[in-house]
Amino acid sequence: MNFVEAMILGLVQGLTEFLPVSSSGHLVLTQKLLGIDDKGVTFEVLVHFGTLLSVLIYFWKPLWRMILSIIPPFKSEYAKERKMIGYLALASIPAAIVGFSSLKDVFESTYERPAIVGLLLMVTGAILFLPRLLKKQKGEKEMGIKSAIVMGIGQAFAILPGISRSGSTIVSGMMAGVKPSAAAEFSFLMAIPAIAAASLLEARKLSDVEAALFVPYLAGAIVAFLSGLIAIYSVLAAIRRGKFEYFGVYCLIAGLAAFLYFRA
């Protein structure tokens, strides 16, 4: 992988990790279009670390309050944060079950079939229209046990390349009656354990990277970090303005184009 390819993939990873358009699906399609057979586990770990850093920086204040909430003595002013930690743990269970089961291999087999990825992008597009079609855009609830479980199930399905993690979790929360802004913020917080766990599982292979690839890989990670911040701001702005389904239009068009291009 050369410098330019690393930066392109870093940009795609950073933007699509948080935009509701599927980072895994876009990476598969970008690799196929650029003719990159293997971006490498090390590169994947580094760009994921870049996106992880972007969400840690954006949400540092609520994350810091969560840390304070579990330090004795347990102050009542941090009760909401302690509940949030429990909700995040609960929401992480479905994806963990899929990730450590044989279903993961079944899901990941689609990575080699870009036409299927295109179809799944179209599924994501349809998912993003559900709140408007079912008139679930004005939820009033805060996060709770039920909504955390529902959003966790949505995240588990996003192991499929082409199904957006942020899109499926935000829509799942909205369908459960959660306020759109609260669902979006919880979705981004859910990304922290998901990305961190995936990165840690592969981090042992970091020592295998060739010295010549370190600079391109690092550049990709930096681009992923910066574009990840942009994506977080963009999604929250779209949620506030009621323009979330615009991403659905994009997914339908991009998915159809990918399916038609790769089906042969």
C-alpha atoms as a PDB file:
ATOM      1  CA  MET A   1       0.000   0.000   0.000  1.00  0.00           C
ATOM      2  CA  ASN A   2       1.387   3.397  -0.927  1.00  0.00           C
ATOM      3  CA  PHE A   3       0.980   6.766   0.802  1.00  0.00           C
ATOM      4  CA  VAL A   4      -1.960   7.951  -1.308  1.00  0.00           C
ATOM      5  CA  GLU A   5      -3.872   4.691  -0.928  1.00  0.00           C
ATOM      6  CA  ALA A   6      -3.364   4.785   2.840  1.00  0.00           C
ATOM      7  CA  MET A   7      -4.728   8.326   3.045  1.00  0.00           C
ATOM      8  CA  ILE A   8      -7.733   7.480   0.871  1.00  0.00           C
ATOM      9  CA  LEU A   9      -8.599   4.447   2.982  1.00  0.00           C
ATOM     10  CA  GLY A  10      -8.045   6.485   6.165  1.00  0.00           C
ATOM     11  CA  LEU A  11     -10.434   9.143   4.867  1.00  0.00           C
ATOM     12  CA  VAL A  12     -13.043   6.537   3.959  1.00  0.00           C
ATOM     13  CA  GLN A  13     -12.684   4.840   7.354  1.00  0.00           C
ATOM     14  CA  GLY A  14     -12.912   8.059   9.331  1.00  0.00           C
ATOM     15  CA  LEU A  15     -15.911   9.516   7.504  1.00  0.00           C
ATOM     16  CA  THR A  16     -17.926   6.332   7.204  1.00  0.00           C
ATOM     17  CA  GLU A  17     -17.257   5.019  10.733  1.00  0.00           C
ATOM     18  CA  PHE A  18     -19.670   7.598  12.114  1.00  0.00           C
ATOM     19  CA  LEU A  19     -21.691   8.667   9.078  1.00  0.00           C
ATOM     20  CA  PRO A  20     -24.577   6.193   8.741  1.00  0.00           C
ATOM     21  CA  VAL A  21     -23.262   4.731   5.481  1.00  0.00           C
ATOM     22  CA  SER A  22     -21.206   1.681   6.633  1.00  0.00           C
ATOM     23  CA  SER A  23     -17.436   1.971   7.023  1.00  0.00           C
ATOM     24  CA  SER A  24     -16.840  -1.733   6.362  1.00  0.00           C
ATOM     25  CA  GLY A  25     -18.918  -1.647   3.195  1.00  0.00           C
ATOM     26  CA  HIS A  26     -17.136   1.424   1.860  1.00  0.00           C
ATOM     27  CA  LEU A  27     -13.717   0.003   2.681  1.00  0.00           C
ATOM     28  CA  VAL A  28     -14.533  -3.225   0.822  1.00  0.00           C
ATOM     29  CA  LEU A  29     -15.732  -1.323  -2.244  1.00  0.00           C
ATOM     30  CA  THR A  30     -12.840   1.186  -2.143  1.00  0.00           C
ATOM     31  CA  GLN A  31     -10.294  -1.623  -1.925  1.00  0.00           C
ATOM     32  CA  LYS A  32     -11.850  -3.359  -4.903  1.00  0.00           C
ATOM     33  CA  LEU A  33     -11.948  -0.163  -6.948  1.00  0.00           C
ATOM     34  CA  LEU A  34      -8.323   0.692  -6.110  1.00  0.00           C
ATOM     35  CA  GLY A  35      -7.156  -2.871  -6.630  1.00  0.00           C
ATOM     36  CA  ILE A  36      -5.826  -3.221  -3.075  1.00  0.00           C
ATOM     37  CA  ASP A  37      -5.926  -6.917  -2.263  1.00  0.00           C
ATOM     38  CA  ASP A  38      -5.084  -6.557   1.420  1.00  0.00           C
ATOM     39  CA  LYS A  39      -4.874  -3.366   3.444  1.00  0.00           C
ATOM     40  CA  GLY A  40      -3.276  -5.325   6.264  1.00  0.00           C
ATOM     41  CA  VAL A  41      -4.316  -5.985   9.853  1.00  0.00           C
ATOM     42  CA  THR A  42      -1.843  -3.400  11.157  1.00  0.00           C
ATOM     43  CA  PHE A  43      -3.342  -0.674   8.987  1.00  0.00           C
ATOM     44  CA  GLU A  44      -6.832  -1.664  10.110  1.00  0.00           C
ATOM     45  CA  VAL A  45      -5.814  -1.408  13.775  1.00  0.00           C
ATOM     46  CA  LEU A  46      -4.229   2.018  13.277  1.00  0.00           C
ATOM     47  CA  VAL A  47      -7.130   3.595  11.382  1.00  0.00           C
ATOM     48  CA  HIS A  48      -9.558   2.184  13.933  1.00  0.00           C
ATOM     49  CA  PHE A  49      -7.424   3.757  16.651  1.00  0.00           C
ATOM     50  CA  GLY A  50      -7.684   7.057  14.758  1.00  0.00           C
ATOM     51  CA  THR A  51     -11.486   6.921  14.735  1.00  0.00           C
ATOM     52  CA  LEU A  52     -11.509   5.797  18.371  1.00  0.00           C
ATOM     53  CA  LEU A  53      -9.436   8.843  19.295  1.00  0.00           C
ATOM     54  CA  SER A  54     -11.866  11.146  17.491  1.00  0.00           C
ATOM     55  CA  VAL A  55     -14.868   9.958  19.508  1.00  0.00           C
ATOM     56  CA  LEU A  56     -12.856  10.032  22.760  1.00  0.00           C
ATOM     57  CA  ILE A  57     -11.925  13.659  22.143  1.00  0.00           C
ATOM     58  CA  TYR A  58     -15.404  14.754  21.070  1.00  0.00           C
ATOM     59  CA  PHE A  59     -17.095  13.174  24.100  1.00  0.00           C
ATOM     60  CA  TRP A  60     -14.315  13.733  26.645  1.00  0.00           C
ATOM     61  CA  LYS A  61     -16.551  15.612  29.093  1.00  0.00           C
ATOM     62  CA  PRO A  62     -19.261  12.922  29.502  1.00  0.00           C
ATOM     63  CA  LEU A  63     -16.571  10.237  29.456  1.00  0.00           C
ATOM     64  CA  TRP A  64     -14.671  12.005  32.222  1.00  0.00           C
ATOM     65  CA  ARG A  65     -17.863  12.192  34.284  1.00  0.00           C
ATOM     66  CA  MET A  66     -18.360   8.450  33.760  1.00  0.00           C
ATOM     67  CA  ILE A  67     -14.866   7.810  35.088  1.00  0.00           C
ATOM     68  CA  LEU A  68     -15.564  10.006  38.129  1.00  0.00           C
ATOM     69  CA  SER A  69     -18.851   8.180  38.714  1.00  0.00           C
ATOM     70  CA  ILE A  70     -17.119   4.870  39.458  1.00  0.00           C
ATOM     71  CA  ILE A  71     -14.481   6.301  41.801  1.00  0.00           C
ATOM     72  CA  PRO A  72     -15.412   5.922  45.500  1.00  0.00           C
ATOM     73  CA  PRO A  73     -17.151   7.529  47.211  1.00  0.00           C
ATOM     74  CA  PHE A  74     -19.947   7.124  44.662  1.00  0.00           C
ATOM     75  CA  LYS A  75     -21.463  10.589  44.526  1.00  0.00           C
ATOM     76  CA  SER A  76     -25.159  10.975  43.773  1.00  0.00           C
ATOM     77  CA  GLU A  77     -24.430  13.731  41.254  1.00  0.00           C
ATOM     78  CA  TYR A  78     -22.941  11.063  38.956  1.00  0.00           C
ATOM     79  CA  ALA A  79     -25.845   8.618  39.205  1.00  0.00           C
ATOM     80  CA  LYS A  80     -26.854   9.260  35.592  1.00  0.00           C
ATOM     81  CA  GLU A  81     -23.324   8.510  34.402  1.00  0.00           C
ATOM     82  CA  ARG A  82     -23.212   5.223  36.333  1.00  0.00           C
ATOM     83  CA  LYS A  83     -26.457   4.191  34.656  1.00  0.00           C
ATOM     84  CA  MET A  84     -24.987   5.115  31.283  1.00  0.00           C
ATOM     85  CA  ILE A  85     -22.014   2.807  31.894  1.00  0.00           C
ATOM     86  CA  GLY A  86     -24.451  -0.015  32.614  1.00  0.00           C
ATOM     87  CA  TYR A  87     -26.423   0.735  29.455  1.00  0.00           C
ATOM     88  CA  LEU A  88     -23.232   0.726  27.371  1.00  0.00           C
ATOM     89  CA  ALA A  89     -22.186  -2.624  28.846  1.00  0.00           C
ATOM     90  CA  LEU A  90     -25.637  -4.041  28.137  1.00  0.00           C
ATOM     91  CA  ALA A  91     -25.643  -2.703  24.567  1.00  0.00           C
ATOM     92  CA  SER A  92     -22.261  -4.315  23.883  1.00  0.00           C
ATOM     93  CA  ILE A  93     -23.449  -7.860  24.671  1.00  0.00           C
ATOM     94  CA  PRO A  94     -25.223  -8.711  21.355  1.00  0.00           C
ATOM     95  CA  ALA A  95     -22.226  -7.712  19.219  1.00  0.00           C
ATOM     96  CA  ALA A  96     -19.889  -9.607  21.562  1.00  0.00           C
ATOM     97  CA  ILE A  97     -22.008 -12.746  21.198  1.00  0.00           C
ATOM     98  CA  VAL A  98     -21.886 -12.523  17.412  1.00  0.00           C
ATOM     99  CA  GLY A  99     -18.192 -11.615  17.416  1.00  0.00           C
ATOM    100  CA  PHE A 100     -17.188 -14.674  19.424  1.00  0.00           C
ATOM    101  CA  SER A 101     -19.526 -17.105  17.693  1.00  0.00           C
ATOM    102  CA  SER A 102     -19.435 -18.917  14.370  1.00  0.00           C
ATOM    103  CA  LEU A 103     -21.824 -16.299  13.006  1.00  0.00           C
ATOM    104  CA  LYS A 104     -18.873 -13.924  12.666  1.00  0.00           C
ATOM    105  CA  ASP A 105     -17.309 -16.133   9.968  1.00  0.00           C
ATOM    106  CA  VAL A 106     -20.627 -16.324   8.114  1.00  0.00           C
ATOM    107  CA  PHE A 107     -21.027 -12.550   8.216  1.00  0.00           C
ATOM    108  CA  GLU A 108     -17.422 -11.815   7.248  1.00  0.00           C
ATOM    109  CA  SER A 109     -17.582 -14.137   4.231  1.00  0.00           C
ATOM    110  CA  THR A 110     -19.536 -11.372   2.503  1.00  0.00           C
ATOM    111  CA  TYR A 111     -16.408  -9.180   2.535  1.00  0.00           C
ATOM    112  CA  GLU A 112     -15.261 -11.020  -0.576  1.00  0.00           C
ATOM    113  CA  ARG A 113     -18.507 -10.354  -2.433  1.00  0.00           C
ATOM    114  CA  PRO A 114     -18.748  -6.634  -3.291  1.00  0.00           C
ATOM    115  CA  ALA A 115     -22.042  -7.067  -5.130  1.00  0.00           C
ATOM    116  CA  ILE A 116     -23.602  -8.355  -1.899  1.00  0.00           C
ATOM    117  CA  VAL A 117     -22.061  -5.403  -0.062  1.00  0.00           C
ATOM    118  CA  GLY A 118     -23.841  -3.134  -2.537  1.00  0.00           C
ATOM    119  CA  LEU A 119     -27.163  -4.810  -1.740  1.00  0.00           C
ATOM    120  CA  LEU A 120     -26.524  -4.424   1.974  1.00  0.00           C
ATOM    121  CA  LEU A 121     -25.801  -0.724   1.456  1.00  0.00           C
ATOM    122  CA  MET A 122     -29.242  -0.466  -0.081  1.00  0.00           C
ATOM    123  CA  VAL A 123     -30.649  -2.189   3.018  1.00  0.00           C
ATOM    124  CA  THR A 124     -28.939   0.489   5.121  1.00  0.00           C
ATOM    125  CA  GLY A 125     -30.567   3.132   2.936  1.00  0.00           C
ATOM    126  CA  ALA A 126     -33.982   1.591   3.589  1.00  0.00           C
ATOM    127  CA  ILE A 127     -33.270   1.404   7.338  1.00  0.00           C
ATOM    128  CA  LEU A 128     -32.497   5.132   7.466  1.00  0.00           C
ATOM    129  CA  PHE A 129     -35.951   5.929   6.074  1.00  0.00           C
ATOM    130  CA  LEU A 130     -37.803   3.874   8.708  1.00  0.00           C
ATOM    131  CA  PRO A 131     -38.204   6.658  11.314  1.00  0.00           C
ATOM    132  CA  ARG A 132     -39.858   8.978   8.796  1.00  0.00           C
ATOM    133  CA  LEU A 133     -41.986   6.260   7.224  1.00  0.00           C
ATOM    134  CA  LEU A 134     -43.177   5.017  10.624  1.00  0.00           C
ATOM    135  CA  LYS A 135     -43.343   8.530  12.091  1.00  0.00           C
ATOM    136  CA  LYS A 136     -40.808   7.809  14.842  1.00  0.00           C
ATOM    137  CA  GLN A 137     -38.738  10.975  14.491  1.00  0.00           C
ATOM    138  CA  LYS A 138     -39.973  12.760  17.616  1.00  0.00           C
ATOM    139  CA  GLY A 139     -39.100  10.396  20.432  1.00  0.00           C
ATOM    140  CA  GLU A 140     -39.033  11.896  23.908  1.00  0.00           C
ATOM    141  CA  LYS A 141     -37.418   9.165  25.987  1.00  0.00           C
ATOM    142  CA  GLU A 142     -33.946   9.143  27.437  1.00  0.00           C
ATOM    143  CA  MET A 143     -31.841   5.999  27.261  1.00  0.00           C
ATOM    144  CA  GLY A 144     -33.030   3.002  29.276  1.00  0.00           C
ATOM    145  CA  ILE A 145     -32.495  -0.749  29.567  1.00  0.00           C
ATOM    146  CA  LYS A 146     -34.902  -1.619  26.738  1.00  0.00           C
ATOM    147  CA  SER A 147     -33.503   0.930  24.295  1.00  0.00           C
ATOM    148  CA  ALA A 148     -29.923  -0.101  25.140  1.00  0.00           C
ATOM    149  CA  ILE A 149     -30.733  -3.732  24.287  1.00  0.00           C
ATOM    150  CA  VAL A 150     -32.509  -2.729  21.065  1.00  0.00           C
ATOM    151  CA  MET A 151     -29.562  -0.562  19.968  1.00  0.00           C
ATOM    152  CA  GLY A 152     -27.162  -3.352  20.902  1.00  0.00           C
ATOM    153  CA  ILE A 153     -29.005  -5.743  18.598  1.00  0.00           C
ATOM    154  CA  GLY A 154     -28.799  -3.144  15.845  1.00  0.00           C
ATOM    155  CA  GLN A 155     -25.040  -2.936  16.371  1.00  0.00           C
ATOM    156  CA  ALA A 156     -24.692  -6.739  16.138  1.00  0.00           C
ATOM    157  CA  PHE A 157     -26.204  -6.770  12.643  1.00  0.00           C
ATOM    158  CA  ALA A 158     -23.694  -4.112  11.571  1.00  0.00           C
ATOM    159  CA  ILE A 159     -20.979  -6.778  11.503  1.00  0.00           C
ATOM    160  CA  LEU A 160     -22.262  -7.323   7.977  1.00  0.00           C
ATOM    161  CA  PRO A 161     -20.286  -5.096   5.568  1.00  0.00           C
ATOM    162  CA  GLY A 162     -22.753  -2.645   4.095  1.00  0.00           C
ATOM    163  CA  ILE A 163     -24.940  -2.406   7.202  1.00  0.00           C
ATOM    164  CA  SER A 164     -24.062   0.842   8.948  1.00  0.00           C
ATOM    165  CA  ARG A 165     -23.268   0.540  12.658  1.00  0.00           C
ATOM    166  CA  SER A 166     -24.201   4.141  13.441  1.00  0.00           C
ATOM    167  CA  GLY A 167     -27.214   4.036  11.134  1.00  0.00           C
ATOM    168  CA  SER A 168     -28.666   0.811  12.522  1.00  0.00           C
ATOM    169  CA  THR A 169     -28.083   1.803  16.152  1.00  0.00           C
ATOM    170  CA  ILE A 170     -29.442   5.351  15.833  1.00  0.00           C
ATOM    171  CA  VAL A 171     -32.527   4.151  13.968  1.00  0.00           C
ATOM    172  CA  SER A 172     -33.012   1.334  16.503  1.00  0.00           C
ATOM    173  CA  GLY A 173     -32.963   3.898  19.292  1.00  0.00           C
ATOM    174  CA  MET A 174     -35.387   6.190  17.496  1.00  0.00           C
ATOM    175  CA  MET A 175     -37.740   3.257  16.855  1.00  0.00           C
ATOM    176  CA  ALA A 176     -37.617   2.526  20.592  1.00  0.00           C
ATOM    177  CA  GLY A 177     -38.820   6.068  21.246  1.00  0.00           C
ATOM    178  CA  VAL A 178     -35.501   7.629  22.254  1.00  0.00           C
ATOM    179  CA  LYS A 179     -34.881  11.243  21.349  1.00  0.00           C
ATOM    180  CA  PRO A 180     -32.885  11.341  18.094  1.00  0.00           C
ATOM    181  CA  SER A 181     -30.057  13.387  19.601  1.00  0.00           C
ATOM    182  CA  ALA A 182     -29.817  11.045  22.608  1.00  0.00           C
ATOM    183  CA  ALA A 183     -29.836   7.990  20.315  1.00  0.00           C
ATOM    184  CA  ALA A 184     -27.035   9.482  18.193  1.00  0.00           C
ATOM    185  CA  GLU A 185     -24.856  10.343  21.180  1.00  0.00           C
ATOM    186  CA  PHE A 186     -25.359   6.880  22.704  1.00  0.00           C
ATOM    187  CA  SER A 187     -24.526   5.308  19.339  1.00  0.00           C
ATOM    188  CA  PHE A 188     -21.191   7.132  19.247  1.00  0.00           C
ATOM    189  CA  LEU A 189     -20.427   6.122  22.828  1.00  0.00           C
ATOM    190  CA  MET A 190     -21.254   2.515  21.882  1.00  0.00           C
ATOM    191  CA  ALA A 191     -18.531   2.727  19.272  1.00  0.00           C
ATOM    192  CA  ILE A 192     -15.852   3.086  21.961  1.00  0.00           C
ATOM    193  CA  PRO A 193     -15.985  -0.475  23.382  1.00  0.00           C
ATOM    194  CA  ALA A 194     -16.752  -1.926  19.936  1.00  0.00           C
ATOM    195  CA  ILE A 195     -13.771  -0.291  18.198  1.00  0.00           C
ATOM    196  CA  ALA A 196     -11.457  -0.771  21.187  1.00  0.00           C
ATOM    197  CA  ALA A 197     -12.264  -4.486  21.448  1.00  0.00           C
ATOM    198  CA  ALA A 198     -11.787  -5.071  17.718  1.00  0.00           C
ATOM    199  CA  SER A 199      -8.473  -3.217  17.787  1.00  0.00           C
ATOM    200  CA  LEU A 200      -7.169  -5.066  20.855  1.00  0.00           C
ATOM    201  CA  LEU A 201      -7.932  -8.431  19.276  1.00  0.00           C
ATOM    202  CA  GLU A 202      -5.641  -7.599  16.366  1.00  0.00           C
ATOM    203  CA  ALA A 203      -3.104  -5.385  18.164  1.00  0.00           C
ATOM    204  CA  ARG A 204      -0.780  -8.330  18.792  1.00  0.00           C
ATOM    205  CA  LYS A 205       0.046  -8.280  15.073  1.00  0.00           C
ATOM    206  CA  LEU A 206       1.328  -4.685  15.106  1.00  0.00           C
ATOM    207  CA  SER A 207       4.924  -5.882  15.443  1.00  0.00           C
ATOM    208  CA  ASP A 208       4.686  -7.501  12.009  1.00  0.00           C
ATOM    209  CA  VAL A 209       4.487  -4.185  10.134  1.00  0.00           C
ATOM    210  CA  GLU A 210       7.301  -3.420   7.715  1.00  0.00           C
ATOM    211  CA  ALA A 211       9.296  -0.277   8.467  1.00  0.00           C
ATOM    212  CA  ALA A 212       8.611   1.111   4.981  1.00  0.00           C
ATOM    213  CA  LEU A 213       4.864   0.982   5.634  1.00  0.00           C
ATOM    214  CA  PHE A 214       4.899   2.776   8.978  1.00  0.00           C
ATOM    215  CA  VAL A 215       4.671   6.329   7.572  1.00  0.00           C
ATOM    216  CA  PRO A 216       1.785   5.598   5.136  1.00  0.00           C
ATOM    217  CA  TYR A 217      -0.055   3.688   7.854  1.00  0.00           C
ATOM    218  CA  LEU A 218       0.418   6.543  10.323  1.00  0.00           C
ATOM    219  CA  ALA A 219      -0.806   9.056   7.728  1.00  0.00           C
ATOM    220  CA  GLY A 220      -3.920   6.945   7.195  1.00  0.00           C
ATOM    221  CA  ALA A 221      -4.570   6.886  10.944  1.00  0.00           C
ATOM    222  CA  ILE A 222      -4.233  10.681  11.212  1.00  0.00           C
ATOM    223  CA  VAL A 223      -6.615  11.214   8.297  1.00  0.00           C
ATOM    224  CA  ALA A 224      -9.066   8.751   9.903  1.00  0.00           C
ATOM    225  CA  PHE A 225      -8.913  10.736  13.162  1.00  0.00           C
ATOM    226  CA  LEU A 226      -9.572  14.122  11.515  1.00  0.00           C
ATOM    227  CA  SER A 227     -12.303  12.863   9.200  1.00  0.00           C
ATOM    228  CA  GLY A 228     -13.883  10.986  12.125  1.00  0.00           C
ATOM    229  CA  LEU A 229     -14.319  14.268  13.999  1.00  0.00           C
ATOM    230  CA  ILE A 230     -15.914  15.835  10.921  1.00  0.00           C
ATOM    231  CA  ALA A 231     -18.280  12.885  10.606  1.00  0.00           C
ATOM    232  CA  ILE A 232     -19.439  13.126  14.229  1.00  0.00           C
ATOM    233  CA  TYR A 233     -20.237  16.830  13.846  1.00  0.00           C
ATOM    234  CA  SER A 234     -22.025  16.126  10.537  1.00  0.00           C
ATOM    235  CA  VAL A 235     -24.273  13.378  11.884  1.00  0.00           C
ATOM    236  CA  LEU A 236     -25.310  15.331  14.971  1.00  0.00           C
ATOM    237  CA  ALA A 237     -26.049  18.381  12.790  1.00  0.00           C
ATOM    238  CA  ALA A 238     -28.134  16.260  10.400  1.00  0.00           C
ATOM    239  CA  ILE A 239     -30.071  14.792  13.340  1.00  0.00           C
ATOM    240  CA  ARG A 240     -30.829  18.241  14.755  1.00  0.00           C
ATOM    241  CA  ARG A 241     -32.027  19.491  11.369  1.00  0.00           C
ATOM    242  CA  GLY A 242     -34.130  16.417  10.611  1.00  0.00           C
ATOM    243  CA  LYS A 243     -32.043  15.552   7.537  1.00  0.00           C
ATOM    244  CA  PHE A 244     -30.951  12.073   8.622  1.00  0.00           C
ATOM    245  CA  GLU A 245     -32.641  10.330   5.708  1.00  0.00           C
ATOM    246  CA  TYR A 246     -30.430  12.200   3.244  1.00  0.00           C
ATOM    247  CA  PHE A 247     -27.796   9.614   4.084  1.00  0.00           C
ATOM    248  CA  GLY A 248     -30.378   6.990   3.135  1.00  0.00           C
ATOM    249  CA  VAL A 249     -30.673   8.452  -0.360  1.00  0.00           C
ATOM    250  CA  TYR A 250     -26.901   8.248  -0.725  1.00  0.00           C
ATOM    251  CA  CYS A 251     -26.800   4.615   0.457  1.00  0.00           C
ATOM    252  CA  LEU A 252     -29.519   3.581  -1.978  1.00  0.00           C
ATOM    253  CA  ILE A 253     -27.716   5.201  -4.914  1.00  0.00           C
ATOM    254  CA  ALA A 254     -24.219   4.016  -3.908  1.00  0.00           C
ATOM    255  CA  GLY A 255     -25.470   0.514  -3.147  1.00  0.00           C
ATOM    256  CA  LEU A 256     -27.269   0.185  -6.469  1.00  0.00           C
ATOM    257  CA  ALA A 257     -24.219   1.477  -8.355  1.00  0.00           C
ATOM    258  CA  ALA A 258     -21.940  -0.979  -6.529  1.00  0.00           C
ATOM    259  CA  PHE A 259     -24.290  -3.896  -7.166  1.00  0.00           C
ATOM    260  CA  LEU A 260     -24.566  -3.141 -10.883  1.00  0.00           C
ATOM    261  CA  TYR A 261     -20.803  -2.599 -11.227  1.00  0.00           C
ATOM    262  CA  PHE A 262     -19.635  -5.714  -9.345  1.00  0.00           C
ATOM    263  CA  ARG A 263     -22.390  -8.243 -10.045  1.00  0.00           C
ATOM    264  CA  ALA A 264     -20.576  -9.559 -13.121  1.00  0.00           C
END
